[in-house]
Amino acid sequence: MDRMNVSRSLHSLEKKNFVIRQTDELDAKRSLWKLTPAGREVYDAIFPEAYERDRRMTAAFTERELADLNRALSKAMDALD
């Protein structure tokens, strides 16, 4: 995920009150993002299902195949930058 997509996603989550932004006390140029109670509720509701789906999907591949797939996907994403 590139920097612009992450930024857009965070701002969208902020508008929905799922995350809040705080300025880093040690580095004012840096933002720290935290889940709000509403964001935690959504996370807790979807994480187990997402984790299980990911586990089932990746179980179909060998470690070598997963490494090859990750390299191929990274190469595709780099081409979009």
PDB file of N, CA and C in Angstrom:
ATOM      1  N   MET A   1       0.845  -1.169   0.000  1.00  0.00           N
ATOM      2  CA  MET A   1       0.000   0.000   0.000  1.00  0.00           C
ATOM      3  C   MET A   1       0.898   1.242   0.000  1.00  0.00           C
ATOM      4  N   ASP A   2       0.634   2.150  -0.885  1.00  0.00           N
ATOM      5  CA  ASP A   2       1.476   3.336  -0.930  1.00  0.00           C
ATOM      6  C   ASP A   2       1.008   4.388   0.075  1.00  0.00           C
ATOM      7  N   ARG A   3       1.856   5.373   0.282  1.00  0.00           N
ATOM      8  CA  ARG A   3       1.611   6.410   1.291  1.00  0.00           C
ATOM      9  C   ARG A   3       0.270   7.133   1.080  1.00  0.00           C
ATOM     10  N   MET A   4      -0.058   7.441  -0.166  1.00  0.00           N
ATOM     11  CA  MET A   4      -1.298   8.169  -0.459  1.00  0.00           C
ATOM     12  C   MET A   4      -2.524   7.327  -0.124  1.00  0.00           C
ATOM     13  N   ASN A   5      -2.487   6.037  -0.452  1.00  0.00           N
ATOM     14  CA  ASN A   5      -3.621   5.159  -0.130  1.00  0.00           C
ATOM     15  C   ASN A   5      -3.801   5.013   1.382  1.00  0.00           C
ATOM     16  N   VAL A   6      -2.692   4.901   2.096  1.00  0.00           N
ATOM     17  CA  VAL A   6      -2.771   4.801   3.563  1.00  0.00           C
ATOM     18  C   VAL A   6      -3.385   6.078   4.127  1.00  0.00           C
ATOM     19  N   SER A   7      -2.915   7.219   3.641  1.00  0.00           N
ATOM     20  CA  SER A   7      -3.426   8.504   4.116  1.00  0.00           C
ATOM     21  C   SER A   7      -4.928   8.629   3.856  1.00  0.00           C
ATOM     22  N   ARG A   8      -5.338   8.294   2.645  1.00  0.00           N
ATOM     23  CA  ARG A   8      -6.764   8.357   2.284  1.00  0.00           C
ATOM     24  C   ARG A   8      -7.599   7.431   3.170  1.00  0.00           C
ATOM     25  N   SER A   9      -7.091   6.235   3.389  1.00  0.00           N
ATOM     26  CA  SER A   9      -7.814   5.265   4.218  1.00  0.00           C
ATOM     27  C   SER A   9      -7.949   5.756   5.652  1.00  0.00           C
ATOM     28  N   LEU A  10      -6.872   6.297   6.197  1.00  0.00           N
ATOM     29  CA  LEU A  10      -6.926   6.806   7.567  1.00  0.00           C
ATOM     30  C   LEU A  10      -7.904   7.973   7.701  1.00  0.00           C
ATOM     31  N   HIS A  11      -7.897   8.864   6.739  1.00  0.00           N
ATOM     32  CA  HIS A  11      -8.827   9.996   6.805  1.00  0.00           C
ATOM     33  C   HIS A  11     -10.276   9.539   6.686  1.00  0.00           C
ATOM     34  N   SER A  12     -10.516   8.530   5.872  1.00  0.00           N
ATOM     35  CA  SER A  12     -11.858   7.974   5.756  1.00  0.00           C
ATOM     36  C   SER A  12     -12.295   7.346   7.084  1.00  0.00           C
ATOM     37  N   LEU A  13     -11.397   6.596   7.721  1.00  0.00           N
ATOM     38  CA  LEU A  13     -11.707   5.991   9.020  1.00  0.00           C
ATOM     39  C   LEU A  13     -11.907   7.052  10.092  1.00  0.00           C
ATOM     40  N   GLU A  14     -11.157   8.149   9.983  1.00  0.00           N
ATOM     41  CA  GLU A  14     -11.301   9.250  10.948  1.00  0.00           C
ATOM     42  C   GLU A  14     -12.680   9.908  10.808  1.00  0.00           C
ATOM     43  N   LYS A  15     -13.120  10.114   9.585  1.00  0.00           N
ATOM     44  CA  LYS A  15     -14.444  10.717   9.364  1.00  0.00           C
ATOM     45  C   LYS A  15     -15.563   9.835   9.914  1.00  0.00           C
ATOM     46  N   LYS A  16     -15.349   8.525   9.894  1.00  0.00           N
ATOM     47  CA  LYS A  16     -16.348   7.587  10.409  1.00  0.00           C
ATOM     48  C   LYS A  16     -16.219   7.376  11.914  1.00  0.00           C
ATOM     49  N   ASN A  17     -15.274   8.095  12.546  1.00  0.00           N
ATOM     50  CA  ASN A  17     -15.027   8.003  13.980  1.00  0.00           C
ATOM     51  C   ASN A  17     -14.524   6.622  14.407  1.00  0.00           C
ATOM     52  N   PHE A  18     -13.754   5.960  13.528  1.00  0.00           N
ATOM     53  CA  PHE A  18     -13.158   4.680  13.873  1.00  0.00           C
ATOM     54  C   PHE A  18     -11.730   4.836  14.382  1.00  0.00           C
ATOM     55  N   VAL A  19     -11.071   5.950  14.028  1.00  0.00           N
ATOM     56  CA  VAL A  19      -9.723   6.231  14.510  1.00  0.00           C
ATOM     57  C   VAL A  19      -9.611   7.704  14.878  1.00  0.00           C
ATOM     58  N   ILE A  20      -8.630   7.996  15.731  1.00  0.00           N
ATOM     59  CA  ILE A  20      -8.309   9.391  16.041  1.00  0.00           C
ATOM     60  C   ILE A  20      -6.809   9.594  15.805  1.00  0.00           C
ATOM     61  N   ARG A  21      -6.472  10.810  15.424  1.00  0.00           N
ATOM     62  CA  ARG A  21      -5.079  11.157  15.179  1.00  0.00           C
ATOM     63  C   ARG A  21      -4.558  11.982  16.344  1.00  0.00           C
ATOM     64  N   GLN A  22      -3.360  11.662  16.768  1.00  0.00           N
ATOM     65  CA  GLN A  22      -2.699  12.431  17.813  1.00  0.00           C
ATOM     66  C   GLN A  22      -1.301  12.781  17.327  1.00  0.00           C
ATOM     67  N   THR A  23      -0.818  13.942  17.717  1.00  0.00           N
ATOM     68  CA  THR A  23       0.541  14.335  17.372  1.00  0.00           C
ATOM     69  C   THR A  23       1.503  13.637  18.316  1.00  0.00           C
ATOM     70  N   ASP A  24       2.569  13.098  17.754  1.00  0.00           N
ATOM     71  CA  ASP A  24       3.604  12.437  18.548  1.00  0.00           C
ATOM     72  C   ASP A  24       4.299  13.487  19.412  1.00  0.00           C
ATOM     73  N   GLU A  25       4.350  13.259  20.706  1.00  0.00           N
ATOM     74  CA  GLU A  25       4.980  14.222  21.622  1.00  0.00           C
ATOM     75  C   GLU A  25       6.480  14.360  21.371  1.00  0.00           C
ATOM     76  N   LEU A  26       7.105  13.310  20.856  1.00  0.00           N
ATOM     77  CA  LEU A  26       8.543  13.340  20.613  1.00  0.00           C
ATOM     78  C   LEU A  26       8.918  13.874  19.231  1.00  0.00           C
ATOM     79  N   ASP A  27       7.962  13.825  18.303  1.00  0.00           N
ATOM     80  CA  ASP A  27       8.220  14.283  16.939  1.00  0.00           C
ATOM     81  C   ASP A  27       6.937  14.903  16.388  1.00  0.00           C
ATOM     82  N   ALA A  28       6.853  16.214  16.436  1.00  0.00           N
ATOM     83  CA  ALA A  28       5.620  16.923  16.063  1.00  0.00           C
ATOM     84  C   ALA A  28       5.229  16.708  14.603  1.00  0.00           C
ATOM     85  N   LYS A  29       6.168  16.253  13.760  1.00  0.00           N
ATOM     86  CA  LYS A  29       5.851  15.991  12.343  1.00  0.00           C
ATOM     87  C   LYS A  29       5.145  14.650  12.164  1.00  0.00           C
ATOM     88  N   ARG A  30       5.149  13.859  13.213  1.00  0.00           N
ATOM     89  CA  ARG A  30       4.609  12.508  13.142  1.00  0.00           C
ATOM     90  C   ARG A  30       3.234  12.429  13.784  1.00  0.00           C
ATOM     91  N   SER A  31       2.337  11.673  13.147  1.00  0.00           N
ATOM     92  CA  SER A  31       1.005  11.442  13.705  1.00  0.00           C
ATOM     93  C   SER A  31       0.906  10.018  14.223  1.00  0.00           C
ATOM     94  N   LEU A  32       0.214   9.873  15.325  1.00  0.00           N
ATOM     95  CA  LEU A  32      -0.081   8.556  15.886  1.00  0.00           C
ATOM     96  C   LEU A  32      -1.581   8.324  15.732  1.00  0.00           C
ATOM     97  N   TRP A  33      -1.957   7.165  15.271  1.00  0.00           N
ATOM     98  CA  TRP A  33      -3.360   6.846  15.044  1.00  0.00           C
ATOM     99  C   TRP A  33      -3.792   5.773  16.030  1.00  0.00           C
ATOM    100  N   LYS A  34      -4.979   5.959  16.614  1.00  0.00           N
ATOM    101  CA  LYS A  34      -5.513   4.991  17.570  1.00  0.00           C
ATOM    102  C   LYS A  34      -6.966   4.687  17.233  1.00  0.00           C
ATOM    103  N   LEU A  35      -7.344   3.440  17.505  1.00  0.00           N
ATOM    104  CA  LEU A  35      -8.740   3.062  17.331  1.00  0.00           C
ATOM    105  C   LEU A  35      -9.593   3.731  18.397  1.00  0.00           C
ATOM    106  N   THR A  36     -10.749   4.202  17.999  1.00  0.00           N
ATOM    107  CA  THR A  36     -11.739   4.689  18.959  1.00  0.00           C
ATOM    108  C   THR A  36     -12.500   3.466  19.483  1.00  0.00           C
ATOM    109  N   PRO A  37     -13.327   3.628  20.501  1.00  0.00           N
ATOM    110  CA  PRO A  37     -14.154   2.491  20.938  1.00  0.00           C
ATOM    111  C   PRO A  37     -14.992   1.913  19.788  1.00  0.00           C
ATOM    112  N   ALA A  38     -15.529   2.782  18.928  1.00  0.00           N
ATOM    113  CA  ALA A  38     -16.310   2.291  17.774  1.00  0.00           C
ATOM    114  C   ALA A  38     -15.416   1.512  16.813  1.00  0.00           C
ATOM    115  N   GLY A  39     -14.200   1.999  16.603  1.00  0.00           N
ATOM    116  CA  GLY A  39     -13.254   1.306  15.734  1.00  0.00           C
ATOM    117  C   GLY A  39     -12.859  -0.043  16.306  1.00  0.00           C
ATOM    118  N   ARG A  40     -12.651  -0.108  17.610  1.00  0.00           N
ATOM    119  CA  ARG A  40     -12.309  -1.370  18.269  1.00  0.00           C
ATOM    120  C   ARG A  40     -13.440  -2.380  18.140  1.00  0.00           C
ATOM    121  N   GLU A  41     -14.670  -1.875  18.250  1.00  0.00           N
ATOM    122  CA  GLU A  41     -15.840  -2.755  18.126  1.00  0.00           C
ATOM    123  C   GLU A  41     -15.896  -3.392  16.734  1.00  0.00           C
ATOM    124  N   VAL A  42     -15.677  -2.579  15.702  1.00  0.00           N
ATOM    125  CA  VAL A  42     -15.675  -3.100  14.332  1.00  0.00           C
ATOM    126  C   VAL A  42     -14.526  -4.087  14.146  1.00  0.00           C
ATOM    127  N   TYR A  43     -13.345  -3.715  14.612  1.00  0.00           N
ATOM    128  CA  TYR A  43     -12.179  -4.595  14.505  1.00  0.00           C
ATOM    129  C   TYR A  43     -12.453  -5.939  15.170  1.00  0.00           C
ATOM    130  N   ASP A  44     -12.951  -5.891  16.399  1.00  0.00           N
ATOM    131  CA  ASP A  44     -13.227  -7.128  17.123  1.00  0.00           C
ATOM    132  C   ASP A  44     -14.269  -7.990  16.417  1.00  0.00           C
ATOM    133  N   ALA A  45     -15.205  -7.344  15.737  1.00  0.00           N
ATOM    134  CA  ALA A  45     -16.258  -8.087  15.033  1.00  0.00           C
ATOM    135  C   ALA A  45     -15.743  -8.757  13.763  1.00  0.00           C
ATOM    136  N   ILE A  46     -14.825  -8.102  13.045  1.00  0.00           N
ATOM    137  CA  ILE A  46     -14.409  -8.658  11.750  1.00  0.00           C
ATOM    138  C   ILE A  46     -13.088  -9.422  11.782  1.00  0.00           C
ATOM    139  N   PHE A  47     -12.239  -9.168  12.778  1.00  0.00           N
ATOM    140  CA  PHE A  47     -10.915  -9.799  12.769  1.00  0.00           C
ATOM    141  C   PHE A  47     -10.952 -11.323  12.754  1.00  0.00           C
ATOM    142  N   PRO A  48     -11.711 -11.979  13.623  1.00  0.00           N
ATOM    143  CA  PRO A  48     -11.680 -13.449  13.627  1.00  0.00           C
ATOM    144  C   PRO A  48     -12.042 -14.046  12.267  1.00  0.00           C
ATOM    145  N   GLU A  49     -13.050 -13.508  11.624  1.00  0.00           N
ATOM    146  CA  GLU A  49     -13.456 -14.029  10.313  1.00  0.00           C
ATOM    147  C   GLU A  49     -12.385 -13.744   9.256  1.00  0.00           C
ATOM    148  N   ALA A  50     -11.825 -12.543   9.279  1.00  0.00           N
ATOM    149  CA  ALA A  50     -10.779 -12.194   8.311  1.00  0.00           C
ATOM    150  C   ALA A  50      -9.543 -13.067   8.518  1.00  0.00           C
ATOM    151  N   TYR A  51      -9.179 -13.291   9.776  1.00  0.00           N
ATOM    152  CA  TYR A  51      -8.017 -14.132  10.087  1.00  0.00           C
ATOM    153  C   TYR A  51      -8.231 -15.554   9.589  1.00  0.00           C
ATOM    154  N   GLU A  52      -9.399 -16.099   9.852  1.00  0.00           N
ATOM    155  CA  GLU A  52      -9.710 -17.469   9.425  1.00  0.00           C
ATOM    156  C   GLU A  52      -9.729 -17.581   7.898  1.00  0.00           C
ATOM    157  N   ARG A  53     -10.283 -16.587   7.244  1.00  0.00           N
ATOM    158  CA  ARG A  53     -10.312 -16.597   5.771  1.00  0.00           C
ATOM    159  C   ARG A  53      -8.890 -16.555   5.215  1.00  0.00           C
ATOM    160  N   ASP A  54      -8.045 -15.705   5.795  1.00  0.00           N
ATOM    161  CA  ASP A  54      -6.652 -15.619   5.364  1.00  0.00           C
ATOM    162  C   ASP A  54      -5.929 -16.938   5.608  1.00  0.00           C
ATOM    163  N   ARG A  55      -6.174 -17.557   6.748  1.00  0.00           N
ATOM    164  CA  ARG A  55      -5.550 -18.838   7.077  1.00  0.00           C
ATOM    165  C   ARG A  55      -5.939 -19.916   6.073  1.00  0.00           C
ATOM    166  N   ARG A  56      -7.237 -19.981   5.739  1.00  0.00           N
ATOM    167  CA  ARG A  56      -7.697 -20.981   4.770  1.00  0.00           C
ATOM    168  C   ARG A  56      -7.103 -20.731   3.389  1.00  0.00           C
ATOM    169  N   MET A  57      -7.058 -19.476   3.001  1.00  0.00           N
ATOM    170  CA  MET A  57      -6.542 -19.142   1.676  1.00  0.00           C
ATOM    171  C   MET A  57      -5.054 -19.480   1.573  1.00  0.00           C
ATOM    172  N   THR A  58      -4.268 -19.098   2.569  1.00  0.00           N
ATOM    173  CA  THR A  58      -2.828 -19.325   2.484  1.00  0.00           C
ATOM    174  C   THR A  58      -2.466 -20.792   2.704  1.00  0.00           C
ATOM    175  N   ALA A  59      -3.341 -21.564   3.343  1.00  0.00           N
ATOM    176  CA  ALA A  59      -3.081 -22.987   3.557  1.00  0.00           C
ATOM    177  C   ALA A  59      -3.020 -23.744   2.234  1.00  0.00           C
ATOM    178  N   ALA A  60      -3.587 -23.178   1.194  1.00  0.00           N
ATOM    179  CA  ALA A  60      -3.589 -23.832  -0.113  1.00  0.00           C
ATOM    180  C   ALA A  60      -2.228 -23.753  -0.809  1.00  0.00           C
ATOM    181  N   PHE A  61      -1.290 -22.974  -0.264  1.00  0.00           N
ATOM    182  CA  PHE A  61       0.010 -22.761  -0.894  1.00  0.00           C
ATOM    183  C   PHE A  61       1.141 -23.305  -0.028  1.00  0.00           C
ATOM    184  N   THR A  62       2.225 -23.671  -0.696  1.00  0.00           N
ATOM    185  CA  THR A  62       3.449 -23.997   0.032  1.00  0.00           C
ATOM    186  C   THR A  62       4.116 -22.686   0.430  1.00  0.00           C
ATOM    187  N   GLU A  63       5.097 -22.765   1.326  1.00  0.00           N
ATOM    188  CA  GLU A  63       5.832 -21.548   1.702  1.00  0.00           C
ATOM    189  C   GLU A  63       6.486 -20.912   0.483  1.00  0.00           C
ATOM    190  N   ARG A  64       7.018 -21.718  -0.385  1.00  0.00           N
ATOM    191  CA  ARG A  64       7.676 -21.210  -1.602  1.00  0.00           C
ATOM    192  C   ARG A  64       6.660 -20.495  -2.504  1.00  0.00           C
ATOM    193  N   GLU A  65       5.493 -21.102  -2.661  1.00  0.00           N
ATOM    194  CA  GLU A  65       4.452 -20.481  -3.489  1.00  0.00           C
ATOM    195  C   GLU A  65       3.996 -19.153  -2.895  1.00  0.00           C
ATOM    196  N   LEU A  66       3.862 -19.092  -1.569  1.00  0.00           N
ATOM    197  CA  LEU A  66       3.472 -17.836  -0.926  1.00  0.00           C
ATOM    198  C   LEU A  66       4.545 -16.765  -1.127  1.00  0.00           C
ATOM    199  N   ALA A  67       5.804 -17.144  -1.014  1.00  0.00           N
ATOM    200  CA  ALA A  67       6.895 -16.192  -1.237  1.00  0.00           C
ATOM    201  C   ALA A  67       6.859 -15.683  -2.681  1.00  0.00           C
ATOM    202  N   ASP A  68       6.645 -16.597  -3.628  1.00  0.00           N
ATOM    203  CA  ASP A  68       6.559 -16.201  -5.044  1.00  0.00           C
ATOM    204  C   ASP A  68       5.364 -15.283  -5.279  1.00  0.00           C
ATOM    205  N   LEU A  69       4.242 -15.612  -4.672  1.00  0.00           N
ATOM    206  CA  LEU A  69       3.042 -14.793  -4.815  1.00  0.00           C
ATOM    207  C   LEU A  69       3.267 -13.400  -4.244  1.00  0.00           C
ATOM    208  N   ASN A  70       3.865 -13.319  -3.067  1.00  0.00           N
ATOM    209  CA  ASN A  70       4.149 -12.017  -2.449  1.00  0.00           C
ATOM    210  C   ASN A  70       5.084 -11.181  -3.313  1.00  0.00           C
ATOM    211  N   ARG A  71       6.101 -11.826  -3.884  1.00  0.00           N
ATOM    212  CA  ARG A  71       7.013 -11.096  -4.775  1.00  0.00           C
ATOM    213  C   ARG A  71       6.269 -10.580  -6.004  1.00  0.00           C
ATOM    214  N   ALA A  72       5.431 -11.422  -6.595  1.00  0.00           N
ATOM    215  CA  ALA A  72       4.682 -11.019  -7.788  1.00  0.00           C
ATOM    216  C   ALA A  72       3.722  -9.868  -7.472  1.00  0.00           C
ATOM    217  N   LEU A  73       3.027  -9.955  -6.354  1.00  0.00           N
ATOM    218  CA  LEU A  73       2.095  -8.885  -5.974  1.00  0.00           C
ATOM    219  C   LEU A  73       2.839  -7.591  -5.659  1.00  0.00           C
ATOM    220  N   SER A  74       3.982  -7.702  -5.001  1.00  0.00           N
ATOM    221  CA  SER A  74       4.794  -6.511  -4.718  1.00  0.00           C
ATOM    222  C   SER A  74       5.259  -5.857  -6.006  1.00  0.00           C
ATOM    223  N   LYS A  75       5.670  -6.678  -6.958  1.00  0.00           N
ATOM    224  CA  LYS A  75       6.115  -6.153  -8.251  1.00  0.00           C
ATOM    225  C   LYS A  75       4.959  -5.427  -8.971  1.00  0.00           C
ATOM    226  N   ALA A  76       3.772  -6.005  -8.897  1.00  0.00           N
ATOM    227  CA  ALA A  76       2.592  -5.368  -9.511  1.00  0.00           C
ATOM    228  C   ALA A  76       2.275  -4.056  -8.837  1.00  0.00           C
ATOM    229  N   MET A  77       2.347  -4.032  -7.502  1.00  0.00           N
ATOM    230  CA  MET A  77       2.074  -2.779  -6.773  1.00  0.00           C
ATOM    231  C   MET A  77       3.122  -1.724  -7.079  1.00  0.00           C
ATOM    232  N   ASP A  78       4.387  -2.122  -7.176  1.00  0.00           N
ATOM    233  CA  ASP A  78       5.455  -1.167  -7.522  1.00  0.00           C
ATOM    234  C   ASP A  78       5.230  -0.561  -8.886  1.00  0.00           C
ATOM    235  N   ALA A  79       4.686  -1.343  -9.801  1.00  0.00           N
ATOM    236  CA  ALA A  79       4.429  -0.834 -11.148  1.00  0.00           C
ATOM    237  C   ALA A  79       3.349   0.259 -11.148  1.00  0.00           C
ATOM    238  N   LEU A  80       2.500   0.248 -10.115  1.00  0.00           N
ATOM    239  CA  LEU A  80       1.443   1.258 -10.032  1.00  0.00           C
ATOM    240  C   LEU A  80       1.928   2.562  -9.423  1.00  0.00           C
ATOM    241  N   ASP A  81       3.058   2.537  -8.739  1.00  0.00           N
ATOM    242  CA  ASP A  81       3.594   3.751  -8.120  1.00  0.00           C
ATOM    243  C   ASP A  81       4.194   4.695  -9.131  1.00  0.00           C
TER     244      ASP A  81
END
